[in-house]
C-alpha atoms as a PDB file:
ATOM      1  CA  MET A   1     -38.777  10.369 -19.479  1.00  0.00           C
ATOM      2  CA  ASN A   2     -36.820   8.281 -21.938  1.00  0.00           C
ATOM      3  CA  TYR A   3     -36.567   4.592 -21.179  1.00  0.00           C
ATOM      4  CA  ARG A   4     -33.824   2.646 -22.958  1.00  0.00           C
ATOM      5  CA  VAL A   5     -34.408  -1.049 -23.588  1.00  0.00           C
ATOM      6  CA  TYR A   6     -31.473  -3.360 -24.381  1.00  0.00           C
ATOM      7  CA  LYS A   7     -31.378  -7.035 -25.328  1.00  0.00           C
ATOM      8  CA  ASP A   8     -28.746  -8.945 -27.327  1.00  0.00           C
ATOM      9  CA  GLY A   9     -27.637  -5.993 -29.447  1.00  0.00           C
ATOM     10  CA  PHE A  10     -31.163  -4.599 -29.708  1.00  0.00           C
ATOM     11  CA  GLU A  11     -31.665  -1.076 -28.417  1.00  0.00           C
ATOM     12  CA  LYS A  12     -34.870   0.913 -28.353  1.00  0.00           C
ATOM     13  CA  VAL A  13     -35.649   4.261 -26.750  1.00  0.00           C
ATOM     14  CA  LEU A  14     -39.195   4.685 -25.508  1.00  0.00           C
ATOM     15  CA  PRO A  15     -40.057   8.332 -24.814  1.00  0.00           C
ATOM     16  CA  ILE A  16     -42.853   8.400 -22.257  1.00  0.00           C
ATOM     17  CA  LYS A  17     -44.715  11.501 -21.197  1.00  0.00           C
ATOM     18  CA  ALA A  18     -47.358  11.013 -18.518  1.00  0.00           C
ATOM     19  CA  THR A  19     -48.804  13.445 -16.022  1.00  0.00           C
ATOM     20  CA  GLY A  20     -50.631  13.305 -12.732  1.00  0.00           C
ATOM     21  CA  THR A  21     -52.871  15.753 -10.943  1.00  0.00           C
ATOM     22  CA  ALA A  22     -54.171  16.229  -7.438  1.00  0.00           C
ATOM     23  CA  THR A  23     -57.101  18.329  -6.317  1.00  0.00           C
ATOM     24  CA  PHE A  24     -58.109  19.972  -3.082  1.00  0.00           C
ATOM     25  CA  SER A  25     -60.129  16.869  -2.240  1.00  0.00           C
ATOM     26  CA  ASP A  26     -56.877  14.851  -2.339  1.00  0.00           C
ATOM     27  CA  ALA A  27     -55.153  17.175   0.138  1.00  0.00           C
ATOM     28  CA  ALA A  28     -55.906  20.601   1.519  1.00  0.00           C
ATOM     29  CA  VAL A  29     -52.246  21.581   1.968  1.00  0.00           C
ATOM     30  CA  ALA A  30     -50.512  22.622  -1.259  1.00  0.00           C
ATOM     31  CA  ILE A  31     -47.245  20.773  -0.612  1.00  0.00           C
ATOM     32  CA  ALA A  32     -49.186  17.552   0.015  1.00  0.00           C
ATOM     33  CA  ARG A  33     -51.084  18.030  -3.279  1.00  0.00           C
ATOM     34  CA  LEU A  34     -47.777  18.475  -5.076  1.00  0.00           C
ATOM     35  CA  ARG A  35     -46.433  15.247  -3.566  1.00  0.00           C
ATOM     36  CA  ILE A  36     -49.599  13.362  -4.542  1.00  0.00           C
ATOM     37  CA  ALA A  37     -49.495  14.778  -8.086  1.00  0.00           C
ATOM     38  CA  ASN A  38     -45.833  13.739  -8.412  1.00  0.00           C
ATOM     39  CA  GLU A  39     -46.633  10.237  -7.179  1.00  0.00           C
ATOM     40  CA  LYS A  40     -49.523   9.909  -9.639  1.00  0.00           C
ATOM     41  CA  SER A  41     -47.297  11.142 -12.446  1.00  0.00           C
ATOM     42  CA  ILE A  42     -44.659   8.537 -11.613  1.00  0.00           C
ATOM     43  CA  GLN A  43     -47.286   5.782 -11.449  1.00  0.00           C
ATOM     44  CA  ASN A  44     -48.769   6.843 -14.800  1.00  0.00           C
ATOM     45  CA  ASN A  45     -45.309   7.046 -16.335  1.00  0.00           C
ATOM     46  CA  ILE A  46     -44.403   3.504 -15.278  1.00  0.00           C
ATOM     47  CA  ALA A  47     -47.798   2.162 -16.401  1.00  0.00           C
ATOM     48  CA  GLU A  48     -47.362   3.758 -19.836  1.00  0.00           C
ATOM     49  CA  PHE A  49     -43.819   2.364 -20.109  1.00  0.00           C
ATOM     50  CA  ILE A  50     -45.065  -1.158 -19.369  1.00  0.00           C
ATOM     51  CA  LYS A  51     -47.851  -0.690 -21.925  1.00  0.00           C
ATOM     52  CA  GLN A  52     -45.366   0.437 -24.603  1.00  0.00           C
ATOM     53  CA  LEU A  53     -42.941  -2.340 -23.662  1.00  0.00           C
ATOM     54  CA  GLY A  54     -45.706  -4.885 -24.228  1.00  0.00           C
ATOM     55  CA  LYS A  55     -46.195  -3.540 -27.754  1.00  0.00           C
ATOM     56  CA  LEU A  56     -42.552  -4.148 -28.744  1.00  0.00           C
ATOM     57  CA  THR A  57     -42.249  -7.078 -31.108  1.00  0.00           C
ATOM     58  CA  ASP A  58     -38.603  -6.514 -32.099  1.00  0.00           C
ATOM     59  CA  ILE A  59     -37.240  -7.483 -28.692  1.00  0.00           C
ATOM     60  CA  GLN A  60     -38.586 -11.039 -28.548  1.00  0.00           C
END
């Protein structure tokens, strides 16, 4: 996922690659495990974006 950050002529692209997994203990049905893994991946992706956004010093 590429996040694009804009502010007053400043532009930065933050490429974020995060994954998520689910095991049988999360859900016995495969489609439910896939949904859980997707949700975890999205959560991890957003968390990593916020982490990288906090490291930007150019945007302040």
